[in-house]
């Protein structure tokens, strides 16, 4: 049996011409609109990716068949103050 290779960190930077509050709202509230559909872990094709907007919330995908697959949990919810 082989040991899976560790997944490297994915890091990037982008500069947006919008206030931080707006960028945070779009990044978190519309996660499924910009996340690439080919990057999913569920059995079904991904229909949406969701971040629940609170500490303890789920970060998950919803499949085209209605199934859900957890990716993780929101550890802290700290929208920028505007």
PDB file of N, CA and C in Angstrom:
ATOM      1  N   UNK A   1       0.853  -1.172   0.000  1.00  0.00           N
ATOM      2  CA  UNK A   1       0.000   0.000   0.000  1.00  0.00           C
ATOM      3  C   UNK A   1       0.897   1.232   0.000  1.00  0.00           C
ATOM      4  N   UNK A   2       0.578   2.190  -0.854  1.00  0.00           N
ATOM      5  CA  UNK A   2       1.389   3.397  -0.928  1.00  0.00           C
ATOM      6  C   UNK A   2       0.789   4.497  -0.063  1.00  0.00           C
ATOM      7  N   UNK A   3       1.646   5.403   0.369  1.00  0.00           N
ATOM      8  CA  UNK A   3       1.218   6.548   1.172  1.00  0.00           C
ATOM      9  C   UNK A   3       0.936   7.706   0.233  1.00  0.00           C
ATOM     10  N   UNK A   4      -0.237   8.350   0.367  1.00  0.00           N
ATOM     11  CA  UNK A   4      -0.529   9.475  -0.526  1.00  0.00           C
ATOM     12  C   UNK A   4       0.448  10.621  -0.295  1.00  0.00           C
ATOM     13  N   UNK A   5       0.749  11.326  -1.357  1.00  0.00           N
ATOM     14  CA  UNK A   5       1.618  12.494  -1.258  1.00  0.00           C
ATOM     15  C   UNK A   5       0.856  13.631  -0.603  1.00  0.00           C
ATOM     16  N   UNK A   6       1.539  14.434   0.226  1.00  0.00           N
ATOM     17  CA  UNK A   6       0.846  15.583   0.827  1.00  0.00           C
ATOM     18  C   UNK A   6       0.490  16.599  -0.254  1.00  0.00           C
ATOM     19  N   UNK A   7      -0.634  17.258  -0.053  1.00  0.00           N
ATOM     20  CA  UNK A   7      -1.073  18.291  -0.982  1.00  0.00           C
ATOM     21  C   UNK A   7      -0.369  19.586  -0.594  1.00  0.00           C
ATOM     22  N   UNK A   8       0.314  20.231  -1.537  1.00  0.00           N
ATOM     23  CA  UNK A   8       1.006  21.480  -1.202  1.00  0.00           C
ATOM     24  C   UNK A   8       0.011  22.604  -0.947  1.00  0.00           C
ATOM     25  N   UNK A   9       0.434  23.590  -0.158  1.00  0.00           N
ATOM     26  CA  UNK A   9      -0.385  24.774   0.071  1.00  0.00           C
ATOM     27  C   UNK A   9      -0.647  25.469  -1.258  1.00  0.00           C
ATOM     28  N   UNK A  10      -1.823  26.026  -1.379  1.00  0.00           N
ATOM     29  CA  UNK A  10      -2.161  26.835  -2.544  1.00  0.00           C
ATOM     30  C   UNK A  10      -2.258  28.272  -2.058  1.00  0.00           C
ATOM     31  N   UNK A  11      -1.444  29.116  -2.607  1.00  0.00           N
ATOM     32  CA  UNK A  11      -1.425  30.514  -2.181  1.00  0.00           C
ATOM     33  C   UNK A  11      -1.468  31.413  -3.398  1.00  0.00           C
ATOM     34  N   UNK A  12      -2.067  32.572  -3.229  1.00  0.00           N
ATOM     35  CA  UNK A  12      -2.128  33.529  -4.319  1.00  0.00           C
ATOM     36  C   UNK A  12      -2.527  34.892  -3.795  1.00  0.00           C
ATOM     37  N   UNK A  13      -2.356  35.874  -4.619  1.00  0.00           N
ATOM     38  CA  UNK A  13      -2.711  37.240  -4.258  1.00  0.00           C
ATOM     39  C   UNK A  13      -3.447  37.864  -5.427  1.00  0.00           C
ATOM     40  N   UNK A  14      -4.467  38.614  -5.100  1.00  0.00           N
ATOM     41  CA  UNK A  14      -5.198  39.363  -6.117  1.00  0.00           C
ATOM     42  C   UNK A  14      -5.567  40.711  -5.514  1.00  0.00           C
ATOM     43  N   UNK A  15      -5.486  41.743  -6.322  1.00  0.00           N
ATOM     44  CA  UNK A  15      -5.858  43.083  -5.879  1.00  0.00           C
ATOM     45  C   UNK A  15      -7.163  43.453  -6.567  1.00  0.00           C
ATOM     46  N   UNK A  16      -8.129  43.856  -5.767  1.00  0.00           N
ATOM     47  CA  UNK A  16      -9.447  44.213  -6.280  1.00  0.00           C
ATOM     48  C   UNK A  16      -9.722  45.685  -6.023  1.00  0.00           C
ATOM     49  N   UNK A  17     -10.419  46.299  -6.940  1.00  0.00           N
ATOM     50  CA  UNK A  17     -10.764  47.712  -6.804  1.00  0.00           C
ATOM     51  C   UNK A  17     -12.133  47.867  -6.141  1.00  0.00           C
ATOM     52  N   UNK A  18     -12.313  47.165  -5.016  1.00  0.00           N
ATOM     53  CA  UNK A  18     -13.545  47.250  -4.242  1.00  0.00           C
ATOM     54  C   UNK A  18     -13.173  47.309  -2.770  1.00  0.00           C
ATOM     55  N   UNK A  19     -14.073  47.799  -1.921  1.00  0.00           N
ATOM     56  CA  UNK A  19     -13.797  47.796  -0.490  1.00  0.00           C
ATOM     57  C   UNK A  19     -13.646  46.361   0.038  1.00  0.00           C
ATOM     58  N   UNK A  20     -12.872  46.207   1.095  1.00  0.00           N
ATOM     59  CA  UNK A  20     -12.624  44.887   1.692  1.00  0.00           C
ATOM     60  C   UNK A  20     -13.933  44.205   2.083  1.00  0.00           C
ATOM     61  N   UNK A  21     -14.914  44.968   2.571  1.00  0.00           N
ATOM     62  CA  UNK A  21     -16.196  44.390   2.972  1.00  0.00           C
ATOM     63  C   UNK A  21     -16.885  43.712   1.783  1.00  0.00           C
ATOM     64  N   UNK A  22     -16.840  44.360   0.622  1.00  0.00           N
ATOM     65  CA  UNK A  22     -17.474  43.806  -0.583  1.00  0.00           C
ATOM     66  C   UNK A  22     -16.732  42.565  -1.063  1.00  0.00           C
ATOM     67  N   UNK A  23     -15.407  42.612  -1.071  1.00  0.00           N
ATOM     68  CA  UNK A  23     -14.615  41.462  -1.496  1.00  0.00           C
ATOM     69  C   UNK A  23     -14.889  40.259  -0.590  1.00  0.00           C
ATOM     70  N   UNK A  24     -14.935  40.486   0.715  1.00  0.00           N
ATOM     71  CA  UNK A  24     -15.212  39.406   1.666  1.00  0.00           C
ATOM     72  C   UNK A  24     -16.595  38.821   1.423  1.00  0.00           C
ATOM     73  N   UNK A  25     -17.591  39.680   1.213  1.00  0.00           N
ATOM     74  CA  UNK A  25     -18.967  39.215   0.992  1.00  0.00           C
ATOM     75  C   UNK A  25     -19.069  38.363  -0.266  1.00  0.00           C
ATOM     76  N   UNK A  26     -18.425  38.777  -1.344  1.00  0.00           N
ATOM     77  CA  UNK A  26     -18.480  38.004  -2.587  1.00  0.00           C
ATOM     78  C   UNK A  26     -17.689  36.712  -2.443  1.00  0.00           C
ATOM     79  N   UNK A  27     -16.496  36.796  -1.873  1.00  0.00           N
ATOM     80  CA  UNK A  27     -15.646  35.618  -1.718  1.00  0.00           C
ATOM     81  C   UNK A  27     -16.333  34.533  -0.896  1.00  0.00           C
ATOM     82  N   UNK A  28     -16.996  34.919   0.186  1.00  0.00           N
ATOM     83  CA  UNK A  28     -17.614  33.938   1.077  1.00  0.00           C
ATOM     84  C   UNK A  28     -19.071  33.652   0.731  1.00  0.00           C
ATOM     85  N   UNK A  29     -19.839  34.673   0.391  1.00  0.00           N
ATOM     86  CA  UNK A  29     -21.268  34.504   0.152  1.00  0.00           C
ATOM     87  C   UNK A  29     -21.612  33.945  -1.213  1.00  0.00           C
ATOM     88  N   UNK A  30     -20.691  34.071  -2.150  1.00  0.00           N
ATOM     89  CA  UNK A  30     -20.919  33.571  -3.513  1.00  0.00           C
ATOM     90  C   UNK A  30     -19.848  32.564  -3.900  1.00  0.00           C
ATOM     91  N   UNK A  31     -19.393  31.815  -2.925  1.00  0.00           N
ATOM     92  CA  UNK A  31     -18.284  30.881  -3.120  1.00  0.00           C
ATOM     93  C   UNK A  31     -18.508  29.963  -4.318  1.00  0.00           C
ATOM     94  N   UNK A  32     -19.706  29.451  -4.466  1.00  0.00           N
ATOM     95  CA  UNK A  32     -20.004  28.519  -5.544  1.00  0.00           C
ATOM     96  C   UNK A  32     -20.006  29.140  -6.927  1.00  0.00           C
ATOM     97  N   UNK A  33     -20.043  30.475  -7.019  1.00  0.00           N
ATOM     98  CA  UNK A  33     -20.052  31.116  -8.336  1.00  0.00           C
ATOM     99  C   UNK A  33     -18.665  31.231  -8.942  1.00  0.00           C
ATOM    100  N   UNK A  34     -17.626  31.192  -8.122  1.00  0.00           N
ATOM    101  CA  UNK A  34     -16.279  31.347  -8.662  1.00  0.00           C
ATOM    102  C   UNK A  34     -15.396  30.110  -8.459  1.00  0.00           C
ATOM    103  N   UNK A  35     -15.785  29.194  -7.580  1.00  0.00           N
ATOM    104  CA  UNK A  35     -14.968  27.998  -7.359  1.00  0.00           C
ATOM    105  C   UNK A  35     -15.037  27.105  -8.600  1.00  0.00           C
ATOM    106  N   UNK A  36     -13.903  26.630  -9.137  1.00  0.00           N
ATOM    107  CA  UNK A  36     -13.925  25.768 -10.326  1.00  0.00           C
ATOM    108  C   UNK A  36     -14.660  24.449 -10.057  1.00  0.00           C
ATOM    109  N   UNK A  37     -15.662  24.137 -10.852  1.00  0.00           N
ATOM    110  CA  UNK A  37     -16.500  22.947 -10.659  1.00  0.00           C
ATOM    111  C   UNK A  37     -15.715  21.640 -10.718  1.00  0.00           C
ATOM    112  N   UNK A  38     -14.581  21.635 -11.422  1.00  0.00           N
ATOM    113  CA  UNK A  38     -13.812  20.392 -11.533  1.00  0.00           C
ATOM    114  C   UNK A  38     -13.072  20.038 -10.243  1.00  0.00           C
ATOM    115  N   UNK A  39     -12.986  20.974  -9.304  1.00  0.00           N
ATOM    116  CA  UNK A  39     -12.323  20.718  -8.023  1.00  0.00           C
ATOM    117  C   UNK A  39     -13.367  20.406  -6.957  1.00  0.00           C
ATOM    118  N   UNK A  40     -13.729  19.151  -6.856  1.00  0.00           N
ATOM    119  CA  UNK A  40     -14.704  18.711  -5.871  1.00  0.00           C
ATOM    120  C   UNK A  40     -14.297  17.335  -5.371  1.00  0.00           C
ATOM    121  N   UNK A  41     -14.861  16.933  -4.235  1.00  0.00           N
ATOM    122  CA  UNK A  41     -14.492  15.630  -3.676  1.00  0.00           C
ATOM    123  C   UNK A  41     -15.677  14.680  -3.579  1.00  0.00           C
ATOM    124  N   UNK A  42     -16.871  15.153  -3.857  1.00  0.00           N
ATOM    125  CA  UNK A  42     -18.050  14.294  -3.826  1.00  0.00           C
ATOM    126  C   UNK A  42     -18.093  13.371  -5.034  1.00  0.00           C
ATOM    127  N   UNK A  43     -18.939  12.368  -4.961  1.00  0.00           N
ATOM    128  CA  UNK A  43     -19.095  11.421  -6.067  1.00  0.00           C
ATOM    129  C   UNK A  43     -19.789  12.062  -7.270  1.00  0.00           C
ATOM    130  N   UNK A  44     -20.792  12.889  -7.013  1.00  0.00           N
ATOM    131  CA  UNK A  44     -21.545  13.546  -8.087  1.00  0.00           C
ATOM    132  C   UNK A  44     -20.818  14.818  -8.527  1.00  0.00           C
ATOM    133  N   UNK A  45     -21.155  15.288  -9.712  1.00  0.00           N
ATOM    134  CA  UNK A  45     -20.638  16.570 -10.163  1.00  0.00           C
ATOM    135  C   UNK A  45     -21.097  17.654  -9.189  1.00  0.00           C
ATOM    136  N   UNK A  46     -20.283  18.673  -9.005  1.00  0.00           N
ATOM    137  CA  UNK A  46     -20.604  19.719  -8.043  1.00  0.00           C
ATOM    138  C   UNK A  46     -21.617  20.708  -8.628  1.00  0.00           C
ATOM    139  N   UNK A  47     -22.664  20.983  -7.869  1.00  0.00           N
ATOM    140  CA  UNK A  47     -23.657  21.986  -8.245  1.00  0.00           C
ATOM    141  C   UNK A  47     -23.378  23.318  -7.571  1.00  0.00           C
ATOM    142  N   UNK A  48     -22.835  23.275  -6.337  1.00  0.00           N
ATOM    143  CA  UNK A  48     -22.584  24.498  -5.581  1.00  0.00           C
ATOM    144  C   UNK A  48     -21.550  24.223  -4.499  1.00  0.00           C
ATOM    145  N   UNK A  49     -20.853  25.267  -4.097  1.00  0.00           N
ATOM    146  CA  UNK A  49     -19.933  25.223  -2.960  1.00  0.00           C
ATOM    147  C   UNK A  49     -20.403  26.291  -1.987  1.00  0.00           C
ATOM    148  N   UNK A  50     -20.483  25.934  -0.715  1.00  0.00           N
ATOM    149  CA  UNK A  50     -21.112  26.801   0.277  1.00  0.00           C
ATOM    150  C   UNK A  50     -20.212  26.975   1.489  1.00  0.00           C
ATOM    151  N   UNK A  51     -20.124  28.217   1.970  1.00  0.00           N
ATOM    152  CA  UNK A  51     -19.482  28.535   3.247  1.00  0.00           C
ATOM    153  C   UNK A  51     -20.581  29.107   4.125  1.00  0.00           C
ATOM    154  N   UNK A  52     -20.894  28.431   5.231  1.00  0.00           N
ATOM    155  CA  UNK A  52     -21.903  28.954   6.161  1.00  0.00           C
ATOM    156  C   UNK A  52     -21.279  30.088   6.967  1.00  0.00           C
ATOM    157  N   UNK A  53     -21.925  31.261   7.007  1.00  0.00           N
ATOM    158  CA  UNK A  53     -21.319  32.480   7.529  1.00  0.00           C
ATOM    159  C   UNK A  53     -21.328  32.644   9.048  1.00  0.00           C
ATOM    160  N   UNK A  54     -20.678  31.696   9.733  1.00  0.00           N
ATOM    161  CA  UNK A  54     -20.543  31.816  11.186  1.00  0.00           C
ATOM    162  C   UNK A  54     -19.500  30.819  11.674  1.00  0.00           C
ATOM    163  N   UNK A  55     -18.881  31.123  12.807  1.00  0.00           N
ATOM    164  CA  UNK A  55     -17.936  30.172  13.404  1.00  0.00           C
ATOM    165  C   UNK A  55     -18.661  28.868  13.675  1.00  0.00           C
ATOM    166  N   UNK A  56     -18.053  27.759  13.296  1.00  0.00           N
ATOM    167  CA  UNK A  56     -18.682  26.454  13.433  1.00  0.00           C
ATOM    168  C   UNK A  56     -19.478  26.048  12.209  1.00  0.00           C
ATOM    169  N   UNK A  57     -19.640  26.976  11.250  1.00  0.00           N
ATOM    170  CA  UNK A  57     -20.396  26.681  10.032  1.00  0.00           C
ATOM    171  C   UNK A  57     -19.681  25.677   9.145  1.00  0.00           C
ATOM    172  N   UNK A  58     -20.455  25.088   8.264  1.00  0.00           N
ATOM    173  CA  UNK A  58     -19.889  24.113   7.331  1.00  0.00           C
ATOM    174  C   UNK A  58     -19.315  24.808   6.102  1.00  0.00           C
ATOM    175  N   UNK A  59     -18.283  24.203   5.558  1.00  0.00           N
ATOM    176  CA  UNK A  59     -17.724  24.560   4.258  1.00  0.00           C
ATOM    177  C   UNK A  59     -17.904  23.286   3.460  1.00  0.00           C
ATOM    178  N   UNK A  60     -18.797  23.285   2.487  1.00  0.00           N
ATOM    179  CA  UNK A  60     -19.153  22.035   1.823  1.00  0.00           C
ATOM    180  C   UNK A  60     -19.586  22.236   0.379  1.00  0.00           C
ATOM    181  N   UNK A  61     -19.711  21.121  -0.306  1.00  0.00           N
ATOM    182  CA  UNK A  61     -20.223  21.150  -1.663  1.00  0.00           C
ATOM    183  C   UNK A  61     -21.563  20.428  -1.710  1.00  0.00           C
ATOM    184  N   UNK A  62     -22.384  20.838  -2.655  1.00  0.00           N
ATOM    185  CA  UNK A  62     -23.642  20.149  -2.929  1.00  0.00           C
ATOM    186  C   UNK A  62     -23.538  19.596  -4.345  1.00  0.00           C
ATOM    187  N   UNK A  63     -23.811  18.313  -4.487  1.00  0.00           N
ATOM    188  CA  UNK A  63     -23.723  17.668  -5.786  1.00  0.00           C
ATOM    189  C   UNK A  63     -24.970  17.883  -6.617  1.00  0.00           C
ATOM    190  N   UNK A  64     -24.839  17.617  -7.900  1.00  0.00           N
ATOM    191  CA  UNK A  64     -25.981  17.749  -8.807  1.00  0.00           C
ATOM    192  C   UNK A  64     -27.102  16.784  -8.466  1.00  0.00           C
ATOM    193  N   UNK A  65     -26.781  15.750  -7.691  1.00  0.00           N
ATOM    194  CA  UNK A  65     -27.801  14.781  -7.269  1.00  0.00           C
ATOM    195  C   UNK A  65     -28.391  15.120  -5.900  1.00  0.00           C
ATOM    196  N   UNK A  66     -28.014  16.291  -5.332  1.00  0.00           N
ATOM    197  CA  UNK A  66     -28.522  16.712  -4.032  1.00  0.00           C
ATOM    198  C   UNK A  66     -27.663  16.263  -2.857  1.00  0.00           C
ATOM    199  N   UNK A  67     -26.662  15.426  -3.106  1.00  0.00           N
ATOM    200  CA  UNK A  67     -25.780  14.972  -2.020  1.00  0.00           C
ATOM    201  C   UNK A  67     -24.929  16.131  -1.525  1.00  0.00           C
ATOM    202  N   UNK A  68     -24.433  16.008  -0.303  1.00  0.00           N
ATOM    203  CA  UNK A  68     -23.549  17.014   0.276  1.00  0.00           C
ATOM    204  C   UNK A  68     -22.292  16.348   0.782  1.00  0.00           C
ATOM    205  N   UNK A  69     -21.181  17.063   0.652  1.00  0.00           N
ATOM    206  CA  UNK A  69     -19.891  16.541   1.065  1.00  0.00           C
ATOM    207  C   UNK A  69     -19.141  17.653   1.801  1.00  0.00           C
ATOM    208  N   UNK A  70     -18.842  17.425   3.082  1.00  0.00           N
ATOM    209  CA  UNK A  70     -18.135  18.436   3.872  1.00  0.00           C
ATOM    210  C   UNK A  70     -16.684  18.567   3.438  1.00  0.00           C
ATOM    211  N   UNK A  71     -16.239  19.811   3.350  1.00  0.00           N
ATOM    212  CA  UNK A  71     -14.832  20.112   3.086  1.00  0.00           C
ATOM    213  C   UNK A  71     -14.138  20.509   4.376  1.00  0.00           C
ATOM    214  N   UNK A  72     -14.872  21.124   5.285  1.00  0.00           N
ATOM    215  CA  UNK A  72     -14.275  21.583   6.532  1.00  0.00           C
ATOM    216  C   UNK A  72     -15.264  22.404   7.335  1.00  0.00           C
ATOM    217  N   UNK A  73     -14.760  23.061   8.358  1.00  0.00           N
ATOM    218  CA  UNK A  73     -15.565  23.915   9.243  1.00  0.00           C
ATOM    219  C   UNK A  73     -14.957  25.305   9.297  1.00  0.00           C
ATOM    220  N   UNK A  74     -15.816  26.285   9.483  1.00  0.00           N
ATOM    221  CA  UNK A  74     -15.377  27.667   9.666  1.00  0.00           C
ATOM    222  C   UNK A  74     -14.879  27.795  11.099  1.00  0.00           C
ATOM    223  N   UNK A  75     -13.605  28.098  11.265  1.00  0.00           N
ATOM    224  CA  UNK A  75     -13.024  28.201  12.606  1.00  0.00           C
ATOM    225  C   UNK A  75     -13.293  29.562  13.234  1.00  0.00           C
ATOM    226  N   UNK A  76     -13.311  30.605  12.426  1.00  0.00           N
ATOM    227  CA  UNK A  76     -13.599  31.959  12.908  1.00  0.00           C
ATOM    228  C   UNK A  76     -14.310  32.710  11.794  1.00  0.00           C
ATOM    229  N   UNK A  77     -15.236  33.567  12.157  1.00  0.00           N
ATOM    230  CA  UNK A  77     -15.940  34.384  11.177  1.00  0.00           C
ATOM    231  C   UNK A  77     -15.715  35.829  11.554  1.00  0.00           C
ATOM    232  N   UNK A  78     -14.845  36.476  10.802  1.00  0.00           N
ATOM    233  CA  UNK A  78     -14.438  37.839  11.133  1.00  0.00           C
ATOM    234  C   UNK A  78     -14.466  38.740   9.890  1.00  0.00           C
ATOM    235  N   UNK A  79     -15.673  39.092   9.449  1.00  0.00           N
ATOM    236  CA  UNK A  79     -15.757  40.004   8.293  1.00  0.00           C
ATOM    237  C   UNK A  79     -15.039  41.317   8.599  1.00  0.00           C
ATOM    238  N   UNK A  80     -14.454  41.941   7.588  1.00  0.00           N
ATOM    239  CA  UNK A  80     -13.777  43.218   7.840  1.00  0.00           C
ATOM    240  C   UNK A  80     -14.769  44.280   8.294  1.00  0.00           C
ATOM    241  N   UNK A  81     -14.348  45.098   9.215  1.00  0.00           N
ATOM    242  CA  UNK A  81     -15.195  46.194   9.712  1.00  0.00           C
ATOM    243  C   UNK A  81     -15.100  47.357   8.734  1.00  0.00           C
ATOM    244  N   UNK A  82     -16.242  47.921   8.411  1.00  0.00           N
ATOM    245  CA  UNK A  82     -16.221  49.008   7.425  1.00  0.00           C
ATOM    246  C   UNK A  82     -16.728  50.294   7.917  1.00  0.00           C
TER     247      UNK A  82
END
